[in-house]
Amino acid sequence: MLTAITHTVPPSINHCELSFIDRIAIDYHKAVKQHNEYLNALARCGLNVRELAVNIDFPDGCFVEDTAVVLDEIAVITNPGAISRRGEIEAIERELKKYRETARISPQATLEGGDVLRIDKKIFVGLSQRTNAAGISELARILAPFGYSVTAVEMKGCLHLKSACTALDDHTLLALPNWIDLAPFEDFRIVAVAEDEHPSANSLAVGDVILLPDGFPKTRESIERLGFKVQALDISEFLKAEAGLTCSSLIFQTDECH
C-alpha cells in the first residue's frame, strides 16, 4: 500500500526559510487546519498516513519532502542547502529505516527533495540554490545500481524544481515554461501554467486524483480538460512559507502498516 510520511506543523513556522518571496505572517492555527485537511485528502485517496512530531522545534519541520528521496529500492537522506534544516534529517532517517535501506548525501554536497522529480526510472533534479551539482552527482551515483537515470535541470526564479514542474502522470507534466529549462522534458506532454497562477504548478498526483492548490481556475480547467480528476485544497498559509502540496509528505510503497 502507499504510505505518506507527514509532520505536524511547528508552532515556529513563521520563522521558516524564505528565498524568493517576502515574509507575510502565517496564521498558525489556520495552517494546522489546512494541514489536517491535507492529511484527510491523502487518506481519502487510500494512503496510510503517518504524522510525525519529531522535528517540532524546526520551523520548516513539516516540509518533510526535502529531507529524503524515497524510491522502491532505497531512501536517500538529503543534505539540505538551507543550513537551518540540516538537523531535521536524523529523525527522518530513523523513521525511514523502518521501511528502507538508507544512503546519505555527503556534507560536501547539497540536495533537497523538493528539487527531485521522479517519473518511473527517470529522475530529474533541479540545479537550485538548495541543490548543487555535487548533490546531483552523488544522487546519480547512489541510484545507478538500481537502473535510474538522473538528469539535471536548469532553473531560475524559484525555490525548487517542483515549485515549477510536477507530474500529472508518467507522460504529462504541469510546468511553468519561463521558470525552468524544458529541454530535458522533450518526451513529455507539457501543460503550461500561467504566470499569474504559478503556485498551481506544484500539484500532487495520488492514484487517479490530482490534488491542486485552491484558487487557480485556469490551471484546474487545463487539467480537467485532459480527463484528470482534480481535488482543490486550500493551502494559502503554506504558500506564505514558499511551500506547495508536494512539500508536506513523503509518499512511497510499503508492504504493510508500521
Protein backbone atom coordinates (compact mmCIF):
# COMPACT_ATOMS: atom_id res chain seq x y z
CA MET A 1 0.00 0.00 0.00
CA LEU A 2 1.01 3.62 -0.33
CA THR A 3 2.23 5.28 2.84
CA ALA A 4 2.54 9.03 3.40
CA ILE A 5 5.01 10.25 6.00
CA THR A 6 3.96 13.70 7.17
CA HIS A 7 4.80 16.01 10.05
CA THR A 8 2.74 18.22 12.32
CA VAL A 9 3.03 21.98 11.77
CA PRO A 10 5.70 23.54 14.02
CA PRO A 11 4.49 26.49 16.13
CA SER A 12 7.58 28.37 14.90
CA ILE A 13 6.60 28.10 11.21
CA ASN A 14 6.67 31.90 10.93
CA HIS A 15 10.46 31.63 11.13
CA CYS A 16 10.68 29.27 8.16
CA GLU A 17 13.27 29.74 5.42
CA LEU A 18 12.30 32.03 2.50
CA SER A 19 14.25 32.66 -0.69
CA PHE A 20 12.12 34.29 -3.37
CA ILE A 21 9.15 35.83 -1.56
CA ASP A 22 8.70 38.43 1.16
CA ARG A 23 7.68 37.30 4.61
CA ILE A 24 3.97 37.55 5.42
CA ALA A 25 2.61 36.47 8.78
CA ILE A 26 1.32 32.88 8.77
CA ASP A 27 -1.78 32.14 10.81
CA TYR A 28 -0.56 29.10 12.74
CA HIS A 29 -3.99 27.83 13.72
CA LYS A 30 -5.27 28.19 10.18
CA ALA A 31 -2.16 26.39 8.92
CA VAL A 32 -2.86 23.49 11.29
CA LYS A 33 -6.43 23.27 9.99
CA GLN A 34 -5.24 23.30 6.38
CA HIS A 35 -2.63 20.66 7.18
CA ASN A 36 -5.29 18.41 8.72
CA GLU A 37 -7.44 18.80 5.61
CA TYR A 38 -4.38 17.80 3.56
CA LEU A 39 -3.94 14.65 5.67
CA ASN A 40 -7.64 13.84 5.25
CA ALA A 41 -7.34 14.23 1.48
CA LEU A 42 -4.41 11.79 1.39
CA ALA A 43 -6.38 9.31 3.48
CA ARG A 44 -9.39 9.61 1.17
CA CYS A 45 -7.06 8.71 -1.70
CA GLY A 46 -6.31 5.45 0.10
CA LEU A 47 -2.96 6.28 1.66
CA ASN A 48 -1.77 5.10 5.05
CA VAL A 49 -1.00 8.49 6.59
CA ARG A 50 1.55 8.74 9.40
CA GLU A 51 2.04 12.09 11.09
CA LEU A 52 5.31 12.61 12.94
CA ALA A 53 6.24 15.23 15.53
CA VAL A 54 9.98 14.51 15.67
CA ASN A 55 11.12 17.87 14.26
CA ILE A 56 8.64 20.11 16.04
CA ASP A 57 11.44 22.51 17.06
CA PHE A 58 12.41 23.21 13.45
CA PRO A 59 10.36 25.96 11.70
CA ASP A 60 10.40 24.01 8.41
CA GLY A 61 9.89 20.62 10.06
CA CYS A 62 6.55 19.94 8.36
CA PHE A 63 8.13 20.11 4.89
CA VAL A 64 9.39 16.55 5.03
CA GLU A 65 9.77 16.17 1.28
CA ASP A 66 13.10 18.00 1.41
CA THR A 67 14.71 15.55 3.83
CA ALA A 68 14.72 12.41 1.68
CA VAL A 69 14.21 10.87 -1.75
CA VAL A 70 12.34 7.61 -1.20
CA LEU A 71 12.34 5.08 -4.03
CA ASP A 72 11.28 1.44 -4.15
CA GLU A 73 14.80 0.19 -3.51
CA ILE A 74 16.34 2.79 -1.20
CA ALA A 75 15.78 6.01 0.72
CA VAL A 76 18.37 8.68 0.06
CA ILE A 77 18.74 11.04 3.01
CA THR A 78 19.47 14.53 1.75
CA ASN A 79 21.80 17.28 2.91
CA PRO A 80 19.61 20.40 2.74
CA GLY A 81 21.05 23.52 1.19
CA ALA A 82 19.40 25.53 3.96
CA ILE A 83 21.76 25.06 6.90
CA SER A 84 18.95 25.61 9.40
CA ARG A 85 17.26 22.44 8.11
CA ARG A 86 20.13 20.00 8.41
CA GLY A 87 19.13 18.99 11.93
CA GLU A 88 15.87 17.55 10.57
CA ILE A 89 17.40 14.63 8.70
CA GLU A 90 18.45 12.48 11.69
CA ALA A 91 14.91 11.84 12.91
CA ILE A 92 13.56 11.33 9.39
CA GLU A 93 16.28 8.79 8.65
CA ARG A 94 15.36 6.85 11.80
CA GLU A 95 11.77 6.72 10.63
CA LEU A 96 12.60 5.70 7.07
CA LYS A 97 14.88 2.90 8.27
CA LYS A 98 11.66 1.13 9.25
CA TYR A 99 10.87 0.81 5.56
CA ARG A 100 14.07 1.06 3.52
CA GLU A 101 17.83 0.78 3.47
CA THR A 102 19.19 4.31 3.54
CA ALA A 103 22.07 6.18 1.95
CA ARG A 104 23.27 9.70 2.64
CA ILE A 105 24.29 12.68 0.58
CA SER A 106 27.66 13.81 1.96
CA PRO A 107 28.15 17.07 3.89
CA GLN A 108 30.16 18.48 0.98
CA ALA A 109 27.16 18.27 -1.37
CA THR A 110 23.64 19.68 -1.08
CA LEU A 111 20.36 18.15 -2.16
CA GLU A 112 16.74 18.85 -1.20
CA GLY A 113 13.89 16.53 -2.09
CA GLY A 114 11.79 19.37 -3.48
CA ASP A 115 14.24 19.52 -6.36
CA VAL A 116 13.77 15.84 -7.25
CA LEU A 117 11.07 14.79 -9.71
CA ARG A 118 10.72 11.06 -10.30
CA ILE A 119 8.92 9.68 -13.33
CA ASP A 120 9.28 5.90 -13.38
CA LYS A 121 13.04 5.24 -13.71
CA LYS A 122 13.85 8.80 -14.76
CA ILE A 123 14.96 11.23 -12.08
CA PHE A 124 15.07 14.94 -12.86
CA VAL A 125 16.85 17.21 -10.38
CA GLY A 126 16.74 20.99 -10.29
CA LEU A 127 20.04 22.82 -10.03
CA SER A 128 18.96 25.41 -7.49
CA GLN A 129 20.06 27.49 -4.52
CA ARG A 130 19.35 24.43 -2.36
CA THR A 131 20.71 21.64 -4.60
CA ASN A 132 24.15 21.84 -6.19
CA ALA A 133 25.92 19.89 -8.93
CA ALA A 134 27.77 17.76 -6.36
CA GLY A 135 24.47 16.71 -4.80
CA ILE A 136 23.08 15.71 -8.18
CA SER A 137 26.22 13.71 -8.94
CA GLU A 138 26.01 11.88 -5.63
CA LEU A 139 22.35 11.06 -6.17
CA ALA A 140 23.21 9.66 -9.61
CA ARG A 141 25.98 7.53 -8.13
CA ILE A 142 23.74 6.14 -5.36
CA LEU A 143 20.88 5.33 -7.76
CA ALA A 144 22.92 3.96 -10.68
CA PRO A 145 22.92 0.34 -9.39
CA PHE A 146 19.12 0.40 -9.42
CA GLY A 147 18.83 1.48 -13.05
CA TYR A 148 17.74 5.07 -12.57
CA SER A 149 18.87 7.85 -14.88
CA VAL A 150 19.49 11.24 -13.27
CA THR A 151 19.23 14.46 -15.29
CA ALA A 152 20.00 17.97 -14.07
CA VAL A 153 17.52 20.73 -14.89
CA GLU A 154 18.45 24.40 -15.08
CA MET A 155 16.02 26.71 -13.28
CA LYS A 156 15.55 30.35 -12.44
CA GLY A 157 13.44 32.39 -10.09
CA CYS A 158 12.01 29.58 -7.96
CA LEU A 159 12.93 27.63 -4.86
CA HIS A 160 12.74 24.02 -6.09
CA LEU A 161 12.18 22.16 -9.33
CA LYS A 162 8.78 21.04 -8.09
CA SER A 163 7.86 24.67 -7.47
CA ALA A 164 7.74 24.89 -11.26
CA CYS A 165 7.18 21.35 -12.56
CA THR A 166 5.25 18.33 -11.31
CA ALA A 167 3.95 15.16 -12.97
CA LEU A 168 0.25 14.54 -13.60
CA ASP A 169 1.13 11.05 -14.84
CA ASP A 170 4.12 9.31 -16.43
CA HIS A 171 3.60 11.19 -19.69
CA THR A 172 2.21 14.59 -18.69
CA LEU A 173 3.83 17.45 -16.78
CA LEU A 174 2.42 20.62 -15.29
CA ALA A 175 5.07 23.31 -15.75
CA LEU A 176 5.97 26.99 -15.77
CA PRO A 177 7.90 27.33 -19.05
CA ASN A 178 9.72 30.53 -18.04
CA TRP A 179 10.98 29.12 -14.75
CA ILE A 180 12.84 26.01 -15.93
CA ASP A 181 14.67 24.65 -18.96
CA LEU A 182 12.12 22.38 -20.62
CA ALA A 183 14.68 20.71 -22.94
CA PRO A 184 15.14 17.67 -20.63
CA PHE A 185 11.37 17.10 -20.83
CA GLU A 186 11.04 16.97 -24.61
CA ASP A 187 9.48 13.48 -24.45
CA PHE A 188 6.61 14.65 -22.23
CA ARG A 189 3.34 16.43 -22.85
CA ILE A 190 3.58 19.82 -21.15
CA VAL A 191 0.58 21.56 -19.62
CA ALA A 192 1.71 25.16 -19.29
CA VAL A 193 0.80 27.07 -16.13
CA ALA A 194 0.06 30.79 -16.45
CA GLU A 195 2.45 33.09 -14.60
CA ASP A 196 -0.38 34.57 -12.53
CA GLU A 197 -1.23 31.07 -11.27
CA HIS A 198 2.33 29.94 -10.61
CA PRO A 199 1.65 28.23 -7.22
CA SER A 200 -0.55 25.72 -9.03
CA ALA A 201 2.48 24.24 -10.81
CA ASN A 202 3.09 22.27 -7.64
CA SER A 203 0.41 19.58 -7.86
CA LEU A 204 0.32 16.16 -6.26
CA ALA A 205 -0.90 13.11 -8.18
CA VAL A 206 -2.25 10.43 -5.86
CA GLY A 207 -3.76 7.47 -7.67
CA ASP A 208 -6.30 8.83 -10.13
CA VAL A 209 -6.68 12.15 -8.29
CA ILE A 210 -4.69 15.34 -8.83
CA LEU A 211 -4.50 17.43 -5.69
CA LEU A 212 -4.22 21.10 -6.64
CA PRO A 213 -3.95 24.31 -4.61
CA ASP A 214 -7.31 26.05 -4.46
CA GLY A 215 -7.89 29.34 -6.25
CA PHE A 216 -6.31 28.69 -9.65
CA PRO A 217 -9.19 28.11 -12.09
CA LYS A 218 -7.20 28.28 -15.32
CA THR A 219 -4.83 25.52 -14.25
CA ARG A 220 -7.69 23.40 -12.96
CA GLU A 221 -9.57 23.75 -16.24
CA SER A 222 -6.48 22.77 -18.24
CA ILE A 223 -6.01 19.63 -16.16
CA GLU A 224 -9.66 18.60 -16.17
CA ARG A 225 -9.82 19.11 -19.92
CA LEU A 226 -7.33 16.25 -20.23
CA GLY A 227 -9.61 13.95 -18.24
CA PHE A 228 -7.92 14.13 -14.85
CA LYS A 229 -9.96 14.23 -11.65
CA VAL A 230 -8.98 17.29 -9.60
CA GLN A 231 -9.44 18.00 -5.91
CA ALA A 232 -8.56 21.53 -4.79
CA LEU A 233 -7.13 22.16 -1.32
CA ASP A 234 -6.71 25.47 0.47
CA ILE A 235 -3.01 25.80 1.35
CA SER A 236 -2.92 29.60 1.48
CA GLU A 237 -0.91 29.69 4.72
CA PHE A 238 1.70 27.31 3.31
CA LEU A 239 2.08 29.40 0.16
CA LYS A 240 3.35 32.12 2.52
CA ALA A 241 6.08 29.65 3.52
CA GLU A 242 7.09 29.19 -0.15
CA ALA A 243 5.65 25.68 0.01
CA GLY A 244 3.33 23.58 -2.11
CA LEU A 245 1.34 20.37 -1.98
CA THR A 246 4.28 18.01 -2.50
CA CYS A 247 6.32 19.60 0.29
CA SER A 248 4.37 18.15 3.20
CA SER A 249 4.67 14.43 2.54
CA LEU A 250 6.96 11.59 1.58
CA ILE A 251 4.84 9.08 -0.34
CA PHE A 252 6.09 5.59 -1.12
CA GLN A 253 5.02 1.97 -1.41
CA THR A 254 5.12 -0.24 1.67
CA ASP A 255 4.30 -3.90 2.23
CA GLU A 256 2.40 -3.33 5.47
CA CYS A 257 1.47 -0.72 8.04
CA HIS A 258 4.13 0.16 10.62
